């Protein structure tokens, strides 16, 4: 819920490069992602 804690911890140890992948958050993709996450309610594959 508070992405900044994880980001801050990982930034403190990344010497050269930091990469991340997330659900798109803006435009039509962001709308679809928010709706998809509400409907799924669980992590795909784990149940």
ModelCIF file with pLDDT and N, C-alpha, C, O atoms, coordinates in Angstrom:
data_MODEL
#
_entry.id   MODEL 
#
_entity.id                         1 
_entity.type                       polymer 
_entity.pdbx_number_of_molecules   1 
#
_entity_poly.entity_id                      1 
_entity_poly.type                           'polypeptide(L)' 
_entity_poly.nstd_linkage                   no 
_entity_poly.nstd_monomer                   no 
_entity_poly.pdbx_seq_one_letter_code       
;(UNK)(UNK)(UNK)(UNK)(UNK)(UNK)(UNK)(UNK)(UNK)(UNK)(UNK)(UNK)(UNK)(UNK)(UNK)(UNK)
(UNK)(UNK)(UNK)(UNK)(UNK)(UNK)(UNK)(UNK)(UNK)(UNK)(UNK)(UNK)(UNK)(UNK)(UNK)(UNK)
(UNK)(UNK)(UNK)(UNK)(UNK)(UNK)(UNK)(UNK)(UNK)(UNK)(UNK)(UNK)(UNK)(UNK)(UNK)
;
_entity_poly.pdbx_seq_one_letter_code_can   XXXXXXXXXXXXXXXXXXXXXXXXXXXXXXXXXXXXXXXXXXXXXXX 
_entity_poly.pdbx_strand_id                 A 
#
loop_
_entity_poly_seq.entity_id 
_entity_poly_seq.num 
_entity_poly_seq.mon_id 
_entity_poly_seq.hetero 
1 1  UNK n 
1 2  UNK n 
1 3  UNK n 
1 4  UNK n 
1 5  UNK n 
1 6  UNK n 
1 7  UNK n 
1 8  UNK n 
1 9  UNK n 
1 10 UNK n 
1 11 UNK n 
1 12 UNK n 
1 13 UNK n 
1 14 UNK n 
1 15 UNK n 
1 16 UNK n 
1 17 UNK n 
1 18 UNK n 
1 19 UNK n 
1 20 UNK n 
1 21 UNK n 
1 22 UNK n 
1 23 UNK n 
1 24 UNK n 
1 25 UNK n 
1 26 UNK n 
1 27 UNK n 
1 28 UNK n 
1 29 UNK n 
1 30 UNK n 
1 31 UNK n 
1 32 UNK n 
1 33 UNK n 
1 34 UNK n 
1 35 UNK n 
1 36 UNK n 
1 37 UNK n 
1 38 UNK n 
1 39 UNK n 
1 40 UNK n 
1 41 UNK n 
1 42 UNK n 
1 43 UNK n 
1 44 UNK n 
1 45 UNK n 
1 46 UNK n 
1 47 UNK n 
#
_struct_asym.id          A 
_struct_asym.entity_id   1 
#
loop_
_ma_qa_metric.id 
_ma_qa_metric.mode 
_ma_qa_metric.name 
_ma_qa_metric.software_group_id 
_ma_qa_metric.type 
1 global pLDDT . pLDDT 
2 local  pLDDT . pLDDT 
#
_ma_qa_metric_global.metric_id      1 
_ma_qa_metric_global.metric_value   85.70 
_ma_qa_metric_global.model_id       1 
_ma_qa_metric_global.ordinal_id     1 
#
loop_
_ma_qa_metric_local.label_asym_id 
_ma_qa_metric_local.label_comp_id 
_ma_qa_metric_local.label_seq_id 
_ma_qa_metric_local.metric_id 
_ma_qa_metric_local.metric_value 
_ma_qa_metric_local.model_id 
_ma_qa_metric_local.ordinal_id 
A UNK 1  2 87.00 1 1  
A UNK 2  2 87.00 1 2  
A UNK 3  2 92.00 1 3  
A UNK 4  2 94.00 1 4  
A UNK 5  2 94.00 1 5  
A UNK 6  2 94.00 1 6  
A UNK 7  2 95.00 1 7  
A UNK 8  2 95.00 1 8  
A UNK 9  2 95.00 1 9  
A UNK 10 2 96.00 1 10 
A UNK 11 2 95.00 1 11 
A UNK 12 2 94.00 1 12 
A UNK 13 2 95.00 1 13 
A UNK 14 2 96.00 1 14 
A UNK 15 2 96.00 1 15 
A UNK 16 2 97.00 1 16 
A UNK 17 2 97.00 1 17 
A UNK 18 2 97.00 1 18 
A UNK 19 2 97.00 1 19 
A UNK 20 2 96.00 1 20 
A UNK 21 2 95.00 1 21 
A UNK 22 2 94.00 1 22 
A UNK 23 2 92.00 1 23 
A UNK 24 2 93.00 1 24 
A UNK 25 2 92.00 1 25 
A UNK 26 2 89.00 1 26 
A UNK 27 2 91.00 1 27 
A UNK 28 2 92.00 1 28 
A UNK 29 2 91.00 1 29 
A UNK 30 2 89.00 1 30 
A UNK 31 2 90.00 1 31 
A UNK 32 2 92.00 1 32 
A UNK 33 2 88.00 1 33 
A UNK 34 2 88.00 1 34 
A UNK 35 2 89.00 1 35 
A UNK 36 2 85.00 1 36 
A UNK 37 2 81.00 1 37 
A UNK 38 2 77.00 1 38 
A UNK 39 2 78.00 1 39 
A UNK 40 2 71.00 1 40 
A UNK 41 2 60.00 1 41 
A UNK 42 2 52.00 1 42 
A UNK 43 2 55.00 1 43 
A UNK 44 2 51.00 1 44 
A UNK 45 2 53.00 1 45 
A UNK 46 2 54.00 1 46 
A UNK 47 2 57.00 1 47 
#
loop_
_atom_site.group_PDB 
_atom_site.id 
_atom_site.type_symbol 
_atom_site.label_atom_id 
_atom_site.label_alt_id 
_atom_site.label_comp_id 
_atom_site.label_asym_id 
_atom_site.label_entity_id 
_atom_site.label_seq_id 
_atom_site.pdbx_PDB_ins_code 
_atom_site.Cartn_x 
_atom_site.Cartn_y 
_atom_site.Cartn_z 
_atom_site.occupancy 
_atom_site.B_iso_or_equiv 
_atom_site.pdbx_formal_charge 
_atom_site.auth_seq_id 
_atom_site.auth_comp_id 
_atom_site.auth_asym_id 
_atom_site.auth_atom_id 
_atom_site.pdbx_PDB_model_num 
ATOM 1   N N  . UNK A 1 1  ? 0.832   -1.205  0.000   1.00 87.00 ? 1  UNK A N  1 
ATOM 2   C CA . UNK A 1 1  ? 0.000   0.000   0.000   1.00 87.00 ? 1  UNK A CA 1 
ATOM 3   C C  . UNK A 1 1  ? 0.869   1.260   0.000   1.00 87.00 ? 1  UNK A C  1 
ATOM 4   O O  . UNK A 1 1  ? 0.502   2.266   -0.605  1.00 87.00 ? 1  UNK A O  1 
ATOM 5   N N  . UNK A 1 2  ? 2.014   1.206   0.673   1.00 87.00 ? 2  UNK A N  1 
ATOM 6   C CA . UNK A 1 2  ? 2.946   2.329   0.741   1.00 87.00 ? 2  UNK A CA 1 
ATOM 7   C C  . UNK A 1 2  ? 4.203   1.924   -0.035  1.00 87.00 ? 2  UNK A C  1 
ATOM 8   O O  . UNK A 1 2  ? 5.172   1.437   0.548   1.00 87.00 ? 2  UNK A O  1 
ATOM 9   N N  . UNK A 1 3  ? 4.175   2.130   -1.350  1.00 92.00 ? 3  UNK A N  1 
ATOM 10  C CA . UNK A 1 3  ? 5.286   1.695   -2.192  1.00 92.00 ? 3  UNK A CA 1 
ATOM 11  C C  . UNK A 1 3  ? 6.600   2.365   -1.810  1.00 92.00 ? 3  UNK A C  1 
ATOM 12  O O  . UNK A 1 3  ? 7.671   1.824   -2.085  1.00 92.00 ? 3  UNK A O  1 
ATOM 13  N N  . UNK A 1 4  ? 6.531   3.535   -1.179  1.00 94.00 ? 4  UNK A N  1 
ATOM 14  C CA . UNK A 1 4  ? 7.738   4.305   -0.899  1.00 94.00 ? 4  UNK A CA 1 
ATOM 15  C C  . UNK A 1 4  ? 8.690   3.583   0.058   1.00 94.00 ? 4  UNK A C  1 
ATOM 16  O O  . UNK A 1 4  ? 9.904   3.753   -0.051  1.00 94.00 ? 4  UNK A O  1 
ATOM 17  N N  . UNK A 1 5  ? 8.174   2.788   0.985   1.00 94.00 ? 5  UNK A N  1 
ATOM 18  C CA . UNK A 1 5  ? 9.047   2.043   1.911   1.00 94.00 ? 5  UNK A CA 1 
ATOM 19  C C  . UNK A 1 5  ? 9.916   1.039   1.155   1.00 94.00 ? 5  UNK A C  1 
ATOM 20  O O  . UNK A 1 5  ? 11.125  0.969   1.372   1.00 94.00 ? 5  UNK A O  1 
ATOM 21  N N  . UNK A 1 6  ? 9.295   0.267   0.272   1.00 94.00 ? 6  UNK A N  1 
ATOM 22  C CA . UNK A 1 6  ? 10.046  -0.713  -0.505  1.00 94.00 ? 6  UNK A CA 1 
ATOM 23  C C  . UNK A 1 6  ? 11.012  -0.013  -1.454  1.00 94.00 ? 6  UNK A C  1 
ATOM 24  O O  . UNK A 1 6  ? 12.166  -0.420  -1.594  1.00 94.00 ? 6  UNK A O  1 
ATOM 25  N N  . UNK A 1 7  ? 10.539  1.025   -2.092  1.00 95.00 ? 7  UNK A N  1 
ATOM 26  C CA . UNK A 1 7  ? 11.377  1.766   -3.022  1.00 95.00 ? 7  UNK A CA 1 
ATOM 27  C C  . UNK A 1 7  ? 12.578  2.381   -2.307  1.00 95.00 ? 7  UNK A C  1 
ATOM 28  O O  . UNK A 1 7  ? 13.701  2.293   -2.805  1.00 95.00 ? 7  UNK A O  1 
ATOM 29  N N  . UNK A 1 8  ? 12.363  2.994   -1.165  1.00 95.00 ? 8  UNK A N  1 
ATOM 30  C CA . UNK A 1 8  ? 13.454  3.618   -0.409  1.00 95.00 ? 8  UNK A CA 1 
ATOM 31  C C  . UNK A 1 8  ? 14.504  2.586   -0.010  1.00 95.00 ? 8  UNK A C  1 
ATOM 32  O O  . UNK A 1 8  ? 15.702  2.849   -0.113  1.00 95.00 ? 8  UNK A O  1 
ATOM 33  N N  . UNK A 1 9  ? 14.064  1.420   0.441   1.00 95.00 ? 9  UNK A N  1 
ATOM 34  C CA . UNK A 1 9  ? 15.009  0.394   0.861   1.00 95.00 ? 9  UNK A CA 1 
ATOM 35  C C  . UNK A 1 9  ? 15.824  -0.108  -0.324  1.00 95.00 ? 9  UNK A C  1 
ATOM 36  O O  . UNK A 1 9  ? 17.035  -0.296  -0.205  1.00 95.00 ? 9  UNK A O  1 
ATOM 37  N N  . UNK A 1 10 ? 15.182  -0.326  -1.455  1.00 96.00 ? 10 UNK A N  1 
ATOM 38  C CA . UNK A 1 10 ? 15.909  -0.822  -2.624  1.00 96.00 ? 10 UNK A CA 1 
ATOM 39  C C  . UNK A 1 10 ? 16.806  0.258   -3.235  1.00 96.00 ? 10 UNK A C  1 
ATOM 40  O O  . UNK A 1 10 ? 17.875  -0.054  -3.760  1.00 96.00 ? 10 UNK A O  1 
ATOM 41  N N  . UNK A 1 11 ? 16.389  1.507   -3.173  1.00 95.00 ? 11 UNK A N  1 
ATOM 42  C CA . UNK A 1 11 ? 17.229  2.591   -3.694  1.00 95.00 ? 11 UNK A CA 1 
ATOM 43  C C  . UNK A 1 11 ? 18.516  2.736   -2.890  1.00 95.00 ? 11 UNK A C  1 
ATOM 44  O O  . UNK A 1 11 ? 19.549  3.137   -3.426  1.00 95.00 ? 11 UNK A O  1 
ATOM 45  N N  . UNK A 1 12 ? 18.450  2.411   -1.611  1.00 94.00 ? 12 UNK A N  1 
ATOM 46  C CA . UNK A 1 12 ? 19.631  2.568   -0.762  1.00 94.00 ? 12 UNK A CA 1 
ATOM 47  C C  . UNK A 1 12 ? 20.731  1.572   -1.097  1.00 94.00 ? 12 UNK A C  1 
ATOM 48  O O  . UNK A 1 12 ? 21.876  1.766   -0.687  1.00 94.00 ? 12 UNK A O  1 
ATOM 49  N N  . UNK A 1 13 ? 20.414  0.508   -1.833  1.00 95.00 ? 13 UNK A N  1 
ATOM 50  C CA . UNK A 1 13 ? 21.425  -0.510  -2.142  1.00 95.00 ? 13 UNK A CA 1 
ATOM 51  C C  . UNK A 1 13 ? 21.765  -0.607  -3.623  1.00 95.00 ? 13 UNK A C  1 
ATOM 52  O O  . UNK A 1 13 ? 22.700  -1.322  -3.983  1.00 95.00 ? 13 UNK A O  1 
ATOM 53  N N  . UNK A 1 14 ? 21.043  0.083   -4.486  1.00 96.00 ? 14 UNK A N  1 
ATOM 54  C CA . UNK A 1 14 ? 21.301  0.033   -5.932  1.00 96.00 ? 14 UNK A CA 1 
ATOM 55  C C  . UNK A 1 14 ? 22.432  0.998   -6.274  1.00 96.00 ? 14 UNK A C  1 
ATOM 56  O O  . UNK A 1 14 ? 22.263  2.215   -6.189  1.00 96.00 ? 14 UNK A O  1 
ATOM 57  N N  . UNK A 1 15 ? 23.564  0.464   -6.652  1.00 96.00 ? 15 UNK A N  1 
ATOM 58  C CA . UNK A 1 15 ? 24.724  1.300   -6.928  1.00 96.00 ? 15 UNK A CA 1 
ATOM 59  C C  . UNK A 1 15 ? 24.707  1.924   -8.324  1.00 96.00 ? 15 UNK A C  1 
ATOM 60  O O  . UNK A 1 15 ? 25.087  3.084   -8.483  1.00 96.00 ? 15 UNK A O  1 
ATOM 61  N N  . UNK A 1 16 ? 24.271  1.170   -9.337  1.00 97.00 ? 16 UNK A N  1 
ATOM 62  C CA . UNK A 1 16 ? 24.336  1.669   -10.709 1.00 97.00 ? 16 UNK A CA 1 
ATOM 63  C C  . UNK A 1 16 ? 22.982  1.804   -11.398 1.00 97.00 ? 16 UNK A C  1 
ATOM 64  O O  . UNK A 1 16 ? 22.746  2.760   -12.137 1.00 97.00 ? 16 UNK A O  1 
ATOM 65  N N  . UNK A 1 17 ? 22.099  0.846   -11.152 1.00 97.00 ? 17 UNK A N  1 
ATOM 66  C CA . UNK A 1 17 ? 20.855  0.803   -11.924 1.00 97.00 ? 17 UNK A CA 1 
ATOM 67  C C  . UNK A 1 17 ? 19.709  0.335   -11.031 1.00 97.00 ? 17 UNK A C  1 
ATOM 68  O O  . UNK A 1 17 ? 19.885  -0.495  -10.140 1.00 97.00 ? 17 UNK A O  1 
ATOM 69  N N  . UNK A 1 18 ? 18.524  0.898   -11.302 1.00 97.00 ? 18 UNK A N  1 
ATOM 70  C CA . UNK A 1 18 ? 17.300  0.480   -10.612 1.00 97.00 ? 18 UNK A CA 1 
ATOM 71  C C  . UNK A 1 18 ? 16.234  0.306   -11.680 1.00 97.00 ? 18 UNK A C  1 
ATOM 72  O O  . UNK A 1 18 ? 15.992  1.207   -12.483 1.00 97.00 ? 18 UNK A O  1 
ATOM 73  N N  . UNK A 1 19 ? 15.598  -0.861  -11.684 1.00 97.00 ? 19 UNK A N  1 
ATOM 74  C CA . UNK A 1 19 ? 14.558  -1.135  -12.666 1.00 97.00 ? 19 UNK A CA 1 
ATOM 75  C C  . UNK A 1 19 ? 13.302  -1.600  -11.941 1.00 97.00 ? 19 UNK A C  1 
ATOM 76  O O  . UNK A 1 19 ? 13.377  -2.230  -10.886 1.00 97.00 ? 19 UNK A O  1 
ATOM 77  N N  . UNK A 1 20 ? 12.156  -1.286  -12.514 1.00 96.00 ? 20 UNK A N  1 
ATOM 78  C CA . UNK A 1 20 ? 10.902  -1.743  -11.917 1.00 96.00 ? 20 UNK A CA 1 
ATOM 79  C C  . UNK A 1 20 ? 9.856   -1.965  -12.988 1.00 96.00 ? 20 UNK A C  1 
ATOM 80  O O  . UNK A 1 20 ? 9.891   -1.359  -14.059 1.00 96.00 ? 20 UNK A O  1 
ATOM 81  N N  . UNK A 1 21 ? 8.929   -2.846  -12.672 1.00 95.00 ? 21 UNK A N  1 
ATOM 82  C CA . UNK A 1 21 ? 7.757   -3.037  -13.521 1.00 95.00 ? 21 UNK A CA 1 
ATOM 83  C C  . UNK A 1 21 ? 6.530   -2.972  -12.619 1.00 95.00 ? 21 UNK A C  1 
ATOM 84  O O  . UNK A 1 21 ? 6.512   -3.526  -11.520 1.00 95.00 ? 21 UNK A O  1 
ATOM 85  N N  . UNK A 1 22 ? 5.521   -2.292  -13.106 1.00 94.00 ? 22 UNK A N  1 
ATOM 86  C CA . UNK A 1 22 ? 4.281   -2.092  -12.350 1.00 94.00 ? 22 UNK A CA 1 
ATOM 87  C C  . UNK A 1 22 ? 3.100   -2.112  -13.314 1.00 94.00 ? 22 UNK A C  1 
ATOM 88  O O  . UNK A 1 22 ? 3.279   -2.082  -14.532 1.00 94.00 ? 22 UNK A O  1 
ATOM 89  N N  . UNK A 1 23 ? 1.920   -2.163  -12.770 1.00 92.00 ? 23 UNK A N  1 
ATOM 90  C CA . UNK A 1 23 ? 0.716   -1.989  -13.574 1.00 92.00 ? 23 UNK A CA 1 
ATOM 91  C C  . UNK A 1 23 ? 0.674   -0.534  -14.035 1.00 92.00 ? 23 UNK A C  1 
ATOM 92  O O  . UNK A 1 23 ? 0.919   0.381   -13.249 1.00 92.00 ? 23 UNK A O  1 
ATOM 93  N N  . UNK A 1 24 ? 0.363   -0.329  -15.304 1.00 93.00 ? 24 UNK A N  1 
ATOM 94  C CA . UNK A 1 24 ? 0.225   1.038   -15.811 1.00 93.00 ? 24 UNK A CA 1 
ATOM 95  C C  . UNK A 1 24 ? -0.847  1.752   -15.003 1.00 93.00 ? 24 UNK A C  1 
ATOM 96  O O  . UNK A 1 24 ? -1.866  1.159   -14.651 1.00 93.00 ? 24 UNK A O  1 
ATOM 97  N N  . UNK A 1 25 ? -0.613  3.039   -14.706 1.00 92.00 ? 25 UNK A N  1 
ATOM 98  C CA . UNK A 1 25 ? -1.511  3.741   -13.779 1.00 92.00 ? 25 UNK A CA 1 
ATOM 99  C C  . UNK A 1 25 ? -2.304  4.880   -14.399 1.00 92.00 ? 25 UNK A C  1 
ATOM 100 O O  . UNK A 1 25 ? -3.145  5.473   -13.724 1.00 92.00 ? 25 UNK A O  1 
ATOM 101 N N  . UNK A 1 26 ? -2.064  5.198   -15.647 1.00 89.00 ? 26 UNK A N  1 
ATOM 102 C CA . UNK A 1 26 ? -2.775  6.345   -16.226 1.00 89.00 ? 26 UNK A CA 1 
ATOM 103 C C  . UNK A 1 26 ? -3.472  5.955   -17.524 1.00 89.00 ? 26 UNK A C  1 
ATOM 104 O O  . UNK A 1 26 ? -3.193  4.916   -18.123 1.00 89.00 ? 26 UNK A O  1 
ATOM 105 N N  . UNK A 1 27 ? -4.381  6.820   -17.930 1.00 91.00 ? 27 UNK A N  1 
ATOM 106 C CA . UNK A 1 27 ? -5.102  6.608   -19.173 1.00 91.00 ? 27 UNK A CA 1 
ATOM 107 C C  . UNK A 1 27 ? -5.965  5.355   -19.138 1.00 91.00 ? 27 UNK A C  1 
ATOM 108 O O  . UNK A 1 27 ? -6.291  4.849   -18.065 1.00 91.00 ? 27 UNK A O  1 
ATOM 109 N N  . UNK A 1 28 ? -6.331  4.861   -20.303 1.00 92.00 ? 28 UNK A N  1 
ATOM 110 C CA . UNK A 1 28 ? -7.184  3.666   -20.373 1.00 92.00 ? 28 UNK A CA 1 
ATOM 111 C C  . UNK A 1 28 ? -6.560  2.443   -19.703 1.00 92.00 ? 28 UNK A C  1 
ATOM 112 O O  . UNK A 1 28 ? -7.268  1.647   -19.086 1.00 92.00 ? 28 UNK A O  1 
ATOM 113 N N  . UNK A 1 29 ? -5.235  2.288   -19.818 1.00 91.00 ? 29 UNK A N  1 
ATOM 114 C CA . UNK A 1 29 ? -4.577  1.146   -19.169 1.00 91.00 ? 29 UNK A CA 1 
ATOM 115 C C  . UNK A 1 29 ? -4.728  1.208   -17.646 1.00 91.00 ? 29 UNK A C  1 
ATOM 116 O O  . UNK A 1 29 ? -4.952  0.185   -16.998 1.00 91.00 ? 29 UNK A O  1 
ATOM 117 N N  . UNK A 1 30 ? -4.607  2.397   -17.085 1.00 89.00 ? 30 UNK A N  1 
ATOM 118 C CA . UNK A 1 30 ? -4.774  2.554   -15.645 1.00 89.00 ? 30 UNK A CA 1 
ATOM 119 C C  . UNK A 1 30 ? -6.190  2.215   -15.199 1.00 89.00 ? 30 UNK A C  1 
ATOM 120 O O  . UNK A 1 30 ? -6.386  1.581   -14.162 1.00 89.00 ? 30 UNK A O  1 
ATOM 121 N N  . UNK A 1 31 ? -7.167  2.635   -15.979 1.00 90.00 ? 31 UNK A N  1 
ATOM 122 C CA . UNK A 1 31 ? -8.565  2.321   -15.661 1.00 90.00 ? 31 UNK A CA 1 
ATOM 123 C C  . UNK A 1 31 ? -8.779  0.809   -15.697 1.00 90.00 ? 31 UNK A C  1 
ATOM 124 O O  . UNK A 1 31 ? -9.386  0.243   -14.787 1.00 90.00 ? 31 UNK A O  1 
ATOM 125 N N  . UNK A 1 32 ? -8.283  0.159   -16.744 1.00 92.00 ? 32 UNK A N  1 
ATOM 126 C CA . UNK A 1 32 ? -8.425  -1.294  -16.867 1.00 92.00 ? 32 UNK A CA 1 
ATOM 127 C C  . UNK A 1 32 ? -7.721  -1.999  -15.704 1.00 92.00 ? 32 UNK A C  1 
ATOM 128 O O  . UNK A 1 32 ? -8.264  -2.945  -15.133 1.00 92.00 ? 32 UNK A O  1 
ATOM 129 N N  . UNK A 1 33 ? -6.515  -1.543  -15.352 1.00 88.00 ? 33 UNK A N  1 
ATOM 130 C CA . UNK A 1 33 ? -5.779  -2.180  -14.247 1.00 88.00 ? 33 UNK A CA 1 
ATOM 131 C C  . UNK A 1 33 ? -6.516  -2.054  -12.922 1.00 88.00 ? 33 UNK A C  1 
ATOM 132 O O  . UNK A 1 33 ? -6.600  -3.019  -12.163 1.00 88.00 ? 33 UNK A O  1 
ATOM 133 N N  . UNK A 1 34 ? -7.040  -0.889  -12.644 1.00 88.00 ? 34 UNK A N  1 
ATOM 134 C CA . UNK A 1 34 ? -7.772  -0.708  -11.378 1.00 88.00 ? 34 UNK A CA 1 
ATOM 135 C C  . UNK A 1 34 ? -9.015  -1.597  -11.327 1.00 88.00 ? 34 UNK A C  1 
ATOM 136 O O  . UNK A 1 34 ? -9.318  -2.192  -10.293 1.00 88.00 ? 34 UNK A O  1 
ATOM 137 N N  . UNK A 1 35 ? -9.715  -1.681  -12.429 1.00 89.00 ? 35 UNK A N  1 
ATOM 138 C CA . UNK A 1 35 ? -10.899 -2.526  -12.504 1.00 89.00 ? 35 UNK A CA 1 
ATOM 139 C C  . UNK A 1 35 ? -10.509 -4.006  -12.384 1.00 89.00 ? 35 UNK A C  1 
ATOM 140 O O  . UNK A 1 35 ? -11.145 -4.756  -11.644 1.00 89.00 ? 35 UNK A O  1 
ATOM 141 N N  . UNK A 1 36 ? -9.490  -4.413  -13.093 1.00 85.00 ? 36 UNK A N  1 
ATOM 142 C CA . UNK A 1 36 ? -9.021  -5.809  -13.064 1.00 85.00 ? 36 UNK A CA 1 
ATOM 143 C C  . UNK A 1 36 ? -8.618  -6.232  -11.655 1.00 85.00 ? 36 UNK A C  1 
ATOM 144 O O  . UNK A 1 36 ? -8.965  -7.326  -11.208 1.00 85.00 ? 36 UNK A O  1 
ATOM 145 N N  . UNK A 1 37 ? -7.892  -5.374  -10.963 1.00 81.00 ? 37 UNK A N  1 
ATOM 146 C CA . UNK A 1 37 ? -7.445  -5.705  -9.611  1.00 81.00 ? 37 UNK A CA 1 
ATOM 147 C C  . UNK A 1 37 ? -8.626  -5.805  -8.649  1.00 81.00 ? 37 UNK A C  1 
ATOM 148 O O  . UNK A 1 37 ? -8.637  -6.666  -7.770  1.00 81.00 ? 37 UNK A O  1 
ATOM 149 N N  . UNK A 1 38 ? -9.600  -4.948  -8.807  1.00 77.00 ? 38 UNK A N  1 
ATOM 150 C CA . UNK A 1 38 ? -10.793 -5.046  -7.951  1.00 77.00 ? 38 UNK A CA 1 
ATOM 151 C C  . UNK A 1 38 ? -11.552 -6.331  -8.202  1.00 77.00 ? 38 UNK A C  1 
ATOM 152 O O  . UNK A 1 38 ? -12.051 -6.958  -7.267  1.00 77.00 ? 38 UNK A O  1 
ATOM 153 N N  . UNK A 1 39 ? -11.642 -6.726  -9.457  1.00 78.00 ? 39 UNK A N  1 
ATOM 154 C CA . UNK A 1 39 ? -12.401 -7.926  -9.800  1.00 78.00 ? 39 UNK A CA 1 
ATOM 155 C C  . UNK A 1 39 ? -11.657 -9.207  -9.440  1.00 78.00 ? 39 UNK A C  1 
ATOM 156 O O  . UNK A 1 39 ? -12.283 -10.178 -9.016  1.00 78.00 ? 39 UNK A O  1 
ATOM 157 N N  . UNK A 1 40 ? -10.348 -9.229  -9.599  1.00 71.00 ? 40 UNK A N  1 
ATOM 158 C CA . UNK A 1 40 ? -9.583  -10.450 -9.317  1.00 71.00 ? 40 UNK A CA 1 
ATOM 159 C C  . UNK A 1 40 ? -9.528  -10.743 -7.833  1.00 71.00 ? 40 UNK A C  1 
ATOM 160 O O  . UNK A 1 40 ? -9.878  -11.841 -7.399  1.00 71.00 ? 40 UNK A O  1 
ATOM 161 N N  . UNK A 1 41 ? -9.092  -9.769  -7.052  1.00 60.00 ? 41 UNK A N  1 
ATOM 162 C CA . UNK A 1 41 ? -9.052  -9.954  -5.606  1.00 60.00 ? 41 UNK A CA 1 
ATOM 163 C C  . UNK A 1 41 ? -8.022  -10.935 -5.095  1.00 60.00 ? 41 UNK A C  1 
ATOM 164 O O  . UNK A 1 41 ? -7.917  -11.127 -3.884  1.00 60.00 ? 41 UNK A O  1 
ATOM 165 N N  . UNK A 1 42 ? -7.268  -11.556 -5.960  1.00 52.00 ? 42 UNK A N  1 
ATOM 166 C CA . UNK A 1 42 ? -6.233  -12.484 -5.505  1.00 52.00 ? 42 UNK A CA 1 
ATOM 167 C C  . UNK A 1 42 ? -5.095  -12.498 -6.514  1.00 52.00 ? 42 UNK A C  1 
ATOM 168 O O  . UNK A 1 42 ? -5.244  -12.041 -7.648  1.00 52.00 ? 42 UNK A O  1 
ATOM 169 N N  . UNK A 1 43 ? -3.986  -13.016 -6.095  1.00 55.00 ? 43 UNK A N  1 
ATOM 170 C CA . UNK A 1 43 ? -2.816  -13.128 -6.960  1.00 55.00 ? 43 UNK A CA 1 
ATOM 171 C C  . UNK A 1 43 ? -3.050  -14.266 -7.940  1.00 55.00 ? 43 UNK A C  1 
ATOM 172 O O  . UNK A 1 43 ? -3.351  -15.389 -7.535  1.00 55.00 ? 43 UNK A O  1 
ATOM 173 N N  . UNK A 1 44 ? -2.915  -13.982 -9.209  1.00 51.00 ? 44 UNK A N  1 
ATOM 174 C CA . UNK A 1 44 ? -3.132  -14.980 -10.235 1.00 51.00 ? 44 UNK A CA 1 
ATOM 175 C C  . UNK A 1 44 ? -2.240  -16.200 -9.993  1.00 51.00 ? 44 UNK A C  1 
ATOM 176 O O  . UNK A 1 44 ? -1.031  -16.060 -9.802  1.00 51.00 ? 44 UNK A O  1 
ATOM 177 N N  . UNK A 1 45 ? -2.824  -17.370 -10.000 1.00 53.00 ? 45 UNK A N  1 
ATOM 178 C CA . UNK A 1 45 ? -2.059  -18.596 -9.880  1.00 53.00 ? 45 UNK A CA 1 
ATOM 179 C C  . UNK A 1 45 ? -1.944  -19.140 -8.464  1.00 53.00 ? 45 UNK A C  1 
ATOM 180 O O  . UNK A 1 45 ? -1.756  -20.344 -8.287  1.00 53.00 ? 45 UNK A O  1 
ATOM 181 N N  . UNK A 1 46 ? -2.053  -18.291 -7.457  1.00 54.00 ? 46 UNK A N  1 
ATOM 182 C CA . UNK A 1 46 ? -1.896  -18.791 -6.094  1.00 54.00 ? 46 UNK A CA 1 
ATOM 183 C C  . UNK A 1 46 ? -3.227  -19.035 -5.421  1.00 54.00 ? 46 UNK A C  1 
ATOM 184 O O  . UNK A 1 46 ? -3.325  -19.876 -4.528  1.00 54.00 ? 46 UNK A O  1 
ATOM 185 N N  . UNK A 1 47 ? -4.263  -18.307 -5.839  1.00 57.00 ? 47 UNK A N  1 
ATOM 186 C CA . UNK A 1 47 ? -5.560  -18.458 -5.211  1.00 57.00 ? 47 UNK A CA 1 
ATOM 187 C C  . UNK A 1 47 ? -5.656  -17.795 -3.848  1.00 57.00 ? 47 UNK A C  1 
ATOM 188 O O  . UNK A 1 47 ? -6.705  -17.850 -3.207  1.00 57.00 ? 47 UNK A O  1 
#
